[in-house]
Amino acid sequence: MRSYNDGSSADSVSKIPTIKFTKLFINGEFVDAISGRTFETIDPRTAEVITKIAEGDKEDVDLAVRAARHAFDNGPWPRMSGYVRSTN
């Protein structure tokens, strides 16, 4: 079995990685795209589909921006000093 510099072997390199996050992260939670659309993530070595990922569009971006604006305007972040923000 062939070994690589990082200690992995040919067997471990050929395994399809586990995709942990397949949804959009908006307002502190993982959600499907509003449209429900997804796109396939393809393993370039084998051309096999690894998983399907939520495909965000304008509505999802608008929702994320509104959530971020609300969190910034109403959350503690803008009132924290730079030092406190850097240590949290």
PDB file of N, CA and C in Angstrom:
ATOM      1  N   MET A   1       0.844  -1.172   0.000  1.00  0.00           N
ATOM      2  CA  MET A   1       0.000   0.000   0.000  1.00  0.00           C
ATOM      3  C   MET A   1       0.891   1.238   0.000  1.00  0.00           C
ATOM      4  N   ARG A   2       0.556   2.193  -0.819  1.00  0.00           N
ATOM      5  CA  ARG A   2       1.347   3.405  -0.934  1.00  0.00           C
ATOM      6  C   ARG A   2       1.055   4.342   0.231  1.00  0.00           C
ATOM      7  N   SER A   3       2.111   4.959   0.794  1.00  0.00           N
ATOM      8  CA  SER A   3       1.959   5.943   1.861  1.00  0.00           C
ATOM      9  C   SER A   3       2.311   7.323   1.329  1.00  0.00           C
ATOM     10  N   TYR A   4       1.691   8.342   1.914  1.00  0.00           N
ATOM     11  CA  TYR A   4       1.933   9.723   1.520  1.00  0.00           C
ATOM     12  C   TYR A   4       2.614  10.471   2.658  1.00  0.00           C
ATOM     13  N   ASN A   5       3.157  11.652   2.357  1.00  0.00           N
ATOM     14  CA  ASN A   5       3.892  12.438   3.347  1.00  0.00           C
ATOM     15  C   ASN A   5       3.071  12.786   4.578  1.00  0.00           C
ATOM     16  N   ASP A   6       1.772  12.908   4.429  1.00  0.00           N
ATOM     17  CA  ASP A   6       0.939  13.288   5.572  1.00  0.00           C
ATOM     18  C   ASP A   6       0.533  12.090   6.426  1.00  0.00           C
ATOM     19  N   GLY A   7       1.059  10.918   6.120  1.00  0.00           N
ATOM     20  CA  GLY A   7       0.755   9.726   6.898  1.00  0.00           C
ATOM     21  C   GLY A   7      -0.448   8.956   6.398  1.00  0.00           C
ATOM     22  N   SER A   8      -1.130   9.476   5.392  1.00  0.00           N
ATOM     23  CA  SER A   8      -2.287   8.769   4.861  1.00  0.00           C
ATOM     24  C   SER A   8      -1.822   7.692   3.892  1.00  0.00           C
ATOM     25  N   SER A   9      -2.717   6.803   3.587  1.00  0.00           N
ATOM     26  CA  SER A   9      -2.406   5.735   2.645  1.00  0.00           C
ATOM     27  C   SER A   9      -3.299   5.874   1.427  1.00  0.00           C
ATOM     28  N   ALA A  10      -3.040   5.084   0.423  1.00  0.00           N
ATOM     29  CA  ALA A  10      -3.863   5.115  -0.789  1.00  0.00           C
ATOM     30  C   ALA A  10      -5.313   4.796  -0.454  1.00  0.00           C
ATOM     31  N   ASP A  11      -5.532   3.892   0.502  1.00  0.00           N
ATOM     32  CA  ASP A  11      -6.906   3.556   0.883  1.00  0.00           C
ATOM     33  C   ASP A  11      -7.626   4.752   1.495  1.00  0.00           C
ATOM     34  N   SER A  12      -6.955   5.473   2.395  1.00  0.00           N
ATOM     35  CA  SER A  12      -7.623   6.593   3.054  1.00  0.00           C
ATOM     36  C   SER A  12      -7.819   7.765   2.106  1.00  0.00           C
ATOM     37  N   VAL A  13      -6.943   7.932   1.143  1.00  0.00           N
ATOM     38  CA  VAL A  13      -7.070   9.030   0.189  1.00  0.00           C
ATOM     39  C   VAL A  13      -8.241   8.782  -0.752  1.00  0.00           C
ATOM     40  N   SER A  14      -8.536   7.539  -1.055  1.00  0.00           N
ATOM     41  CA  SER A  14      -9.589   7.237  -2.017  1.00  0.00           C
ATOM     42  C   SER A  14     -10.988   7.272  -1.418  1.00  0.00           C
ATOM     43  N   LYS A  15     -11.110   7.397  -0.112  1.00  0.00           N
ATOM     44  CA  LYS A  15     -12.430   7.442   0.511  1.00  0.00           C
ATOM     45  C   LYS A  15     -13.105   8.780   0.231  1.00  0.00           C
ATOM     46  N   ILE A  16     -14.397   8.730  -0.007  1.00  0.00           N
ATOM     47  CA  ILE A  16     -15.165   9.952  -0.214  1.00  0.00           C
ATOM     48  C   ILE A  16     -15.328  10.639   1.138  1.00  0.00           C
ATOM     49  N   PRO A  17     -15.023  11.930   1.207  1.00  0.00           N
ATOM     50  CA  PRO A  17     -15.137  12.632   2.485  1.00  0.00           C
ATOM     51  C   PRO A  17     -16.588  12.750   2.938  1.00  0.00           C
ATOM     52  N   THR A  18     -16.764  12.826   4.235  1.00  0.00           N
ATOM     53  CA  THR A  18     -18.089  13.052   4.795  1.00  0.00           C
ATOM     54  C   THR A  18     -18.354  14.553   4.780  1.00  0.00           C
ATOM     55  N   ILE A  19     -19.453  14.944   4.203  1.00  0.00           N
ATOM     56  CA  ILE A  19     -19.834  16.353   4.149  1.00  0.00           C
ATOM     57  C   ILE A  19     -20.770  16.608   5.325  1.00  0.00           C
ATOM     58  N   LYS A  20     -20.325  17.451   6.238  1.00  0.00           N
ATOM     59  CA  LYS A  20     -21.089  17.677   7.460  1.00  0.00           C
ATOM     60  C   LYS A  20     -22.215  18.696   7.268  1.00  0.00           C
ATOM     61  N   PHE A  21     -21.939  19.752   6.515  1.00  0.00           N
ATOM     62  CA  PHE A  21     -22.920  20.821   6.378  1.00  0.00           C
ATOM     63  C   PHE A  21     -23.398  20.899   4.935  1.00  0.00           C
ATOM     64  N   THR A  22     -24.687  20.724   4.735  1.00  0.00           N
ATOM     65  CA  THR A  22     -25.240  20.769   3.384  1.00  0.00           C
ATOM     66  C   THR A  22     -26.326  21.831   3.244  1.00  0.00           C
ATOM     67  N   LYS A  23     -26.575  22.555   4.316  1.00  0.00           N
ATOM     68  CA  LYS A  23     -27.612  23.591   4.297  1.00  0.00           C
ATOM     69  C   LYS A  23     -26.967  24.964   4.401  1.00  0.00           C
ATOM     70  N   LEU A  24     -27.768  25.994   4.242  1.00  0.00           N
ATOM     71  CA  LEU A  24     -27.310  27.369   4.390  1.00  0.00           C
ATOM     72  C   LEU A  24     -27.318  27.729   5.875  1.00  0.00           C
ATOM     73  N   PHE A  25     -26.351  28.513   6.319  1.00  0.00           N
ATOM     74  CA  PHE A  25     -26.312  28.950   7.712  1.00  0.00           C
ATOM     75  C   PHE A  25     -26.823  30.383   7.763  1.00  0.00           C
ATOM     76  N   ILE A  26     -28.058  30.540   8.227  1.00  0.00           N
ATOM     77  CA  ILE A  26     -28.712  31.848   8.272  1.00  0.00           C
ATOM     78  C   ILE A  26     -29.348  32.026   9.641  1.00  0.00           C
ATOM     79  N   ASN A  27     -29.076  33.160  10.246  1.00  0.00           N
ATOM     80  CA  ASN A  27     -29.680  33.515  11.533  1.00  0.00           C
ATOM     81  C   ASN A  27     -29.385  32.474  12.613  1.00  0.00           C
ATOM     82  N   GLY A  28     -28.167  31.960  12.595  1.00  0.00           N
ATOM     83  CA  GLY A  28     -27.738  31.044  13.642  1.00  0.00           C
ATOM     84  C   GLY A  28     -28.209  29.611  13.496  1.00  0.00           C
ATOM     85  N   GLU A  29     -28.760  29.258  12.338  1.00  0.00           N
ATOM     86  CA  GLU A  29     -29.188  27.873  12.160  1.00  0.00           C
ATOM     87  C   GLU A  29     -29.011  27.430  10.711  1.00  0.00           C
ATOM     88  N   PHE A  30     -28.927  26.134  10.532  1.00  0.00           N
ATOM     89  CA  PHE A  30     -28.801  25.565   9.196  1.00  0.00           C
ATOM     90  C   PHE A  30     -30.193  25.364   8.618  1.00  0.00           C
ATOM     91  N   VAL A  31     -30.406  25.917   7.427  1.00  0.00           N
ATOM     92  CA  VAL A  31     -31.727  25.867   6.798  1.00  0.00           C
ATOM     93  C   VAL A  31     -31.594  25.476   5.328  1.00  0.00           C
ATOM     94  N   ASP A  32     -32.669  24.928   4.783  1.00  0.00           N
ATOM     95  CA  ASP A  32     -32.725  24.662   3.351  1.00  0.00           C
ATOM     96  C   ASP A  32     -32.878  25.984   2.610  1.00  0.00           C
ATOM     97  N   ALA A  33     -32.522  25.992   1.351  1.00  0.00           N
ATOM     98  CA  ALA A  33     -32.763  27.163   0.514  1.00  0.00           C
ATOM     99  C   ALA A  33     -34.270  27.391   0.424  1.00  0.00           C
ATOM    100  N   ILE A  34     -34.678  28.643   0.364  1.00  0.00           N
ATOM    101  CA  ILE A  34     -36.105  28.961   0.268  1.00  0.00           C
ATOM    102  C   ILE A  34     -36.727  28.255  -0.930  1.00  0.00           C
ATOM    103  N   SER A  35     -36.006  28.218  -2.028  1.00  0.00           N
ATOM    104  CA  SER A  35     -36.520  27.584  -3.249  1.00  0.00           C
ATOM    105  C   SER A  35     -36.553  26.064  -3.149  1.00  0.00           C
ATOM    106  N   GLY A  36     -35.807  25.519  -2.193  1.00  0.00           N
ATOM    107  CA  GLY A  36     -35.701  24.072  -2.078  1.00  0.00           C
ATOM    108  C   GLY A  36     -34.687  23.467  -3.040  1.00  0.00           C
ATOM    109  N   ARG A  37     -34.070  24.317  -3.871  1.00  0.00           N
ATOM    110  CA  ARG A  37     -33.110  23.803  -4.852  1.00  0.00           C
ATOM    111  C   ARG A  37     -31.806  23.393  -4.184  1.00  0.00           C
ATOM    112  N   THR A  38     -31.146  22.433  -4.814  1.00  0.00           N
ATOM    113  CA  THR A  38     -29.839  21.961  -4.370  1.00  0.00           C
ATOM    114  C   THR A  38     -28.938  21.805  -5.588  1.00  0.00           C
ATOM    115  N   PHE A  39     -27.651  21.649  -5.330  1.00  0.00           N
ATOM    116  CA  PHE A  39     -26.726  21.298  -6.405  1.00  0.00           C
ATOM    117  C   PHE A  39     -25.854  20.155  -5.922  1.00  0.00           C
ATOM    118  N   GLU A  40     -25.390  19.371  -6.855  1.00  0.00           N
ATOM    119  CA  GLU A  40     -24.574  18.210  -6.518  1.00  0.00           C
ATOM    120  C   GLU A  40     -23.115  18.612  -6.359  1.00  0.00           C
ATOM    121  N   THR A  41     -22.475  18.047  -5.353  1.00  0.00           N
ATOM    122  CA  THR A  41     -21.039  18.184  -5.186  1.00  0.00           C
ATOM    123  C   THR A  41     -20.417  16.907  -5.725  1.00  0.00           C
ATOM    124  N   ILE A  42     -19.522  17.071  -6.672  1.00  0.00           N
ATOM    125  CA  ILE A  42     -18.950  15.938  -7.394  1.00  0.00           C
ATOM    126  C   ILE A  42     -17.512  15.681  -6.942  1.00  0.00           C
ATOM    127  N   ASP A  43     -17.180  14.423  -6.730  1.00  0.00           N
ATOM    128  CA  ASP A  43     -15.806  14.027  -6.451  1.00  0.00           C
ATOM    129  C   ASP A  43     -15.043  14.100  -7.775  1.00  0.00           C
ATOM    130  N   PRO A  44     -14.063  14.991  -7.905  1.00  0.00           N
ATOM    131  CA  PRO A  44     -13.381  15.149  -9.195  1.00  0.00           C
ATOM    132  C   PRO A  44     -12.555  13.931  -9.602  1.00  0.00           C
ATOM    133  N   ARG A  45     -12.225  13.081  -8.650  1.00  0.00           N
ATOM    134  CA  ARG A  45     -11.438  11.885  -8.979  1.00  0.00           C
ATOM    135  C   ARG A  45     -12.280  10.816  -9.646  1.00  0.00           C
ATOM    136  N   THR A  46     -13.547  10.735  -9.223  1.00  0.00           N
ATOM    137  CA  THR A  46     -14.386   9.629  -9.687  1.00  0.00           C
ATOM    138  C   THR A  46     -15.620  10.083 -10.454  1.00  0.00           C
ATOM    139  N   ALA A  47     -15.904  11.369 -10.418  1.00  0.00           N
ATOM    140  CA  ALA A  47     -17.108  11.952 -11.016  1.00  0.00           C
ATOM    141  C   ALA A  47     -18.386  11.470 -10.326  1.00  0.00           C
ATOM    142  N   GLU A  48     -18.248  10.900  -9.139  1.00  0.00           N
ATOM    143  CA  GLU A  48     -19.414  10.462  -8.370  1.00  0.00           C
ATOM    144  C   GLU A  48     -19.963  11.619  -7.550  1.00  0.00           C
ATOM    145  N   VAL A  49     -21.274  11.607  -7.345  1.00  0.00           N
ATOM    146  CA  VAL A  49     -21.911  12.610  -6.494  1.00  0.00           C
ATOM    147  C   VAL A  49     -21.563  12.298  -5.045  1.00  0.00           C
ATOM    148  N   ILE A  50     -21.016  13.296  -4.350  1.00  0.00           N
ATOM    149  CA  ILE A  50     -20.703  13.133  -2.928  1.00  0.00           C
ATOM    150  C   ILE A  50     -21.948  13.431  -2.102  1.00  0.00           C
ATOM    151  N   THR A  51     -22.591  14.565  -2.396  1.00  0.00           N
ATOM    152  CA  THR A  51     -23.802  14.964  -1.685  1.00  0.00           C
ATOM    153  C   THR A  51     -24.484  16.079  -2.458  1.00  0.00           C
ATOM    154  N   LYS A  52     -25.624  16.500  -1.970  1.00  0.00           N
ATOM    155  CA  LYS A  52     -26.329  17.653  -2.535  1.00  0.00           C
ATOM    156  C   LYS A  52     -26.296  18.774  -1.498  1.00  0.00           C
ATOM    157  N   ILE A  53     -26.031  19.985  -1.970  1.00  0.00           N
ATOM    158  CA  ILE A  53     -25.892  21.164  -1.121  1.00  0.00           C
ATOM    159  C   ILE A  53     -27.020  22.140  -1.437  1.00  0.00           C
ATOM    160  N   ALA A  54     -27.541  22.806  -0.406  1.00  0.00           N
ATOM    161  CA  ALA A  54     -28.580  23.820  -0.619  1.00  0.00           C
ATOM    162  C   ALA A  54     -28.049  24.908  -1.544  1.00  0.00           C
ATOM    163  N   GLU A  55     -28.840  25.265  -2.534  1.00  0.00           N
ATOM    164  CA  GLU A  55     -28.450  26.288  -3.512  1.00  0.00           C
ATOM    165  C   GLU A  55     -29.169  27.595  -3.187  1.00  0.00           C
ATOM    166  N   GLY A  56     -28.449  28.479  -2.516  1.00  0.00           N
ATOM    167  CA  GLY A  56     -29.032  29.761  -2.151  1.00  0.00           C
ATOM    168  C   GLY A  56     -29.171  30.675  -3.351  1.00  0.00           C
ATOM    169  N   ASP A  57     -30.162  31.557  -3.290  1.00  0.00           N
ATOM    170  CA  ASP A  57     -30.340  32.552  -4.340  1.00  0.00           C
ATOM    171  C   ASP A  57     -30.636  33.901  -3.690  1.00  0.00           C
ATOM    172  N   LYS A  58     -31.135  34.840  -4.464  1.00  0.00           N
ATOM    173  CA  LYS A  58     -31.340  36.207  -3.973  1.00  0.00           C
ATOM    174  C   LYS A  58     -32.177  36.251  -2.694  1.00  0.00           C
ATOM    175  N   GLU A  59     -33.234  35.474  -2.634  1.00  0.00           N
ATOM    176  CA  GLU A  59     -34.097  35.497  -1.450  1.00  0.00           C
ATOM    177  C   GLU A  59     -33.345  35.017  -0.208  1.00  0.00           C
ATOM    178  N   ASP A  60     -32.505  34.007  -0.377  1.00  0.00           N
ATOM    179  CA  ASP A  60     -31.713  33.512   0.753  1.00  0.00           C
ATOM    180  C   ASP A  60     -30.690  34.554   1.196  1.00  0.00           C
ATOM    181  N   VAL A  61     -30.071  35.215   0.230  1.00  0.00           N
ATOM    182  CA  VAL A  61     -29.101  36.266   0.553  1.00  0.00           C
ATOM    183  C   VAL A  61     -29.799  37.404   1.286  1.00  0.00           C
ATOM    184  N   ASP A  62     -30.959  37.815   0.790  1.00  0.00           N
ATOM    185  CA  ASP A  62     -31.705  38.889   1.450  1.00  0.00           C
ATOM    186  C   ASP A  62     -32.050  38.510   2.891  1.00  0.00           C
ATOM    187  N   LEU A  63     -32.483  37.280   3.091  1.00  0.00           N
ATOM    188  CA  LEU A  63     -32.813  36.803   4.434  1.00  0.00           C
ATOM    189  C   LEU A  63     -31.577  36.811   5.338  1.00  0.00           C
ATOM    190  N   ALA A  64     -30.458  36.357   4.810  1.00  0.00           N
ATOM    191  CA  ALA A  64     -29.216  36.325   5.589  1.00  0.00           C
ATOM    192  C   ALA A  64     -28.746  37.734   5.937  1.00  0.00           C
ATOM    193  N   VAL A  65     -28.849  38.652   4.990  1.00  0.00           N
ATOM    194  CA  VAL A  65     -28.428  40.036   5.245  1.00  0.00           C
ATOM    195  C   VAL A  65     -29.336  40.683   6.290  1.00  0.00           C
ATOM    196  N   ARG A  66     -30.643  40.455   6.188  1.00  0.00           N
ATOM    197  CA  ARG A  66     -31.570  41.006   7.197  1.00  0.00           C
ATOM    198  C   ARG A  66     -31.254  40.442   8.581  1.00  0.00           C
ATOM    199  N   ALA A  67     -30.984  39.145   8.657  1.00  0.00           N
ATOM    200  CA  ALA A  67     -30.662  38.523   9.947  1.00  0.00           C
ATOM    201  C   ALA A  67     -29.359  39.086  10.508  1.00  0.00           C
ATOM    202  N   ALA A  68     -28.376  39.265   9.647  1.00  0.00           N
ATOM    203  CA  ALA A  68     -27.093  39.815  10.097  1.00  0.00           C
ATOM    204  C   ALA A  68     -27.251  41.262  10.554  1.00  0.00           C
ATOM    205  N   ARG A  69     -28.027  42.036   9.816  1.00  0.00           N
ATOM    206  CA  ARG A  69     -28.255  43.434  10.186  1.00  0.00           C
ATOM    207  C   ARG A  69     -28.962  43.516  11.539  1.00  0.00           C
ATOM    208  N   HIS A  70     -29.972  42.670  11.724  1.00  0.00           N
ATOM    209  CA  HIS A  70     -30.706  42.650  12.989  1.00  0.00           C
ATOM    210  C   HIS A  70     -29.779  42.252  14.144  1.00  0.00           C
ATOM    211  N   ALA A  71     -28.972  41.234  13.922  1.00  0.00           N
ATOM    212  CA  ALA A  71     -28.046  40.786  14.968  1.00  0.00           C
ATOM    213  C   ALA A  71     -27.048  41.885  15.307  1.00  0.00           C
ATOM    214  N   PHE A  72     -26.579  42.583  14.297  1.00  0.00           N
ATOM    215  CA  PHE A  72     -25.615  43.658  14.542  1.00  0.00           C
ATOM    216  C   PHE A  72     -26.275  44.824  15.271  1.00  0.00           C
ATOM    217  N   ASP A  73     -27.450  45.232  14.812  1.00  0.00           N
ATOM    218  CA  ASP A  73     -28.126  46.386  15.413  1.00  0.00           C
ATOM    219  C   ASP A  73     -28.628  46.108  16.821  1.00  0.00           C
ATOM    220  N   ASN A  74     -29.041  44.877  17.095  1.00  0.00           N
ATOM    221  CA  ASN A  74     -29.674  44.567  18.375  1.00  0.00           C
ATOM    222  C   ASN A  74     -28.845  43.677  19.290  1.00  0.00           C
ATOM    223  N   GLY A  75     -27.767  43.159  18.795  1.00  0.00           N
ATOM    224  CA  GLY A  75     -26.927  42.281  19.602  1.00  0.00           C
ATOM    225  C   GLY A  75     -25.822  43.053  20.305  1.00  0.00           C
ATOM    226  N   PRO A  76     -24.990  42.370  21.050  1.00  0.00           N
ATOM    227  CA  PRO A  76     -23.937  43.022  21.821  1.00  0.00           C
ATOM    228  C   PRO A  76     -22.721  43.453  20.992  1.00  0.00           C
ATOM    229  N   TRP A  77     -22.554  42.909  19.806  1.00  0.00           N
ATOM    230  CA  TRP A  77     -21.343  43.112  19.014  1.00  0.00           C
ATOM    231  C   TRP A  77     -20.942  44.582  18.820  1.00  0.00           C
ATOM    232  N   PRO A  78     -21.831  45.464  18.378  1.00  0.00           N
ATOM    233  CA  PRO A  78     -21.380  46.835  18.107  1.00  0.00           C
ATOM    234  C   PRO A  78     -21.021  47.621  19.371  1.00  0.00           C
ATOM    235  N   ARG A  79     -21.462  47.159  20.518  1.00  0.00           N
ATOM    236  CA  ARG A  79     -21.162  47.861  21.766  1.00  0.00           C
ATOM    237  C   ARG A  79     -19.927  47.302  22.471  1.00  0.00           C
ATOM    238  N   MET A  80     -19.351  46.246  21.914  1.00  0.00           N
ATOM    239  CA  MET A  80     -18.141  45.662  22.496  1.00  0.00           C
ATOM    240  C   MET A  80     -16.912  46.411  21.998  1.00  0.00           C
ATOM    241  N   SER A  81     -15.914  46.465  22.844  1.00  0.00           N
ATOM    242  CA  SER A  81     -14.647  47.041  22.397  1.00  0.00           C
ATOM    243  C   SER A  81     -13.977  46.061  21.436  1.00  0.00           C
ATOM    244  N   GLY A  82     -13.050  46.559  20.664  1.00  0.00           N
ATOM    245  CA  GLY A  82     -12.304  45.695  19.753  1.00  0.00           C
ATOM    246  C   GLY A  82     -11.597  44.583  20.499  1.00  0.00           C
ATOM    247  N   TYR A  83     -11.080  44.902  21.677  1.00  0.00           N
ATOM    248  CA  TYR A  83     -10.385  43.890  22.472  1.00  0.00           C
ATOM    249  C   TYR A  83     -11.337  42.766  22.878  1.00  0.00           C
ATOM    250  N   VAL A  84     -12.504  43.130  23.365  1.00  0.00           N
ATOM    251  CA  VAL A  84     -13.471  42.120  23.802  1.00  0.00           C
ATOM    252  C   VAL A  84     -13.918  41.266  22.615  1.00  0.00           C
ATOM    253  N   ARG A  85     -14.175  41.907  21.474  1.00  0.00           N
ATOM    254  CA  ARG A  85     -14.573  41.139  20.284  1.00  0.00           C
ATOM    255  C   ARG A  85     -13.482  40.155  19.879  1.00  0.00           C
ATOM    256  N   SER A  86     -12.232  40.553  20.016  1.00  0.00           N
ATOM    257  CA  SER A  86     -11.134  39.680  19.581  1.00  0.00           C
ATOM    258  C   SER A  86     -10.893  38.521  20.535  1.00  0.00           C
ATOM    259  N   THR A  87     -11.396  38.611  21.747  1.00  0.00           N
ATOM    260  CA  THR A  87     -11.168  37.537  22.719  1.00  0.00           C
ATOM    261  C   THR A  87     -12.387  36.645  22.893  1.00  0.00           C
ATOM    262  N   ASN A  88     -13.469  36.957  22.225  1.00  0.00           N
ATOM    263  CA  ASN A  88     -14.688  36.127  22.324  1.00  0.00           C
ATOM    264  C   ASN A  88     -14.804  35.208  21.154  1.00  0.00           C
TER     265      ASN A  88
END
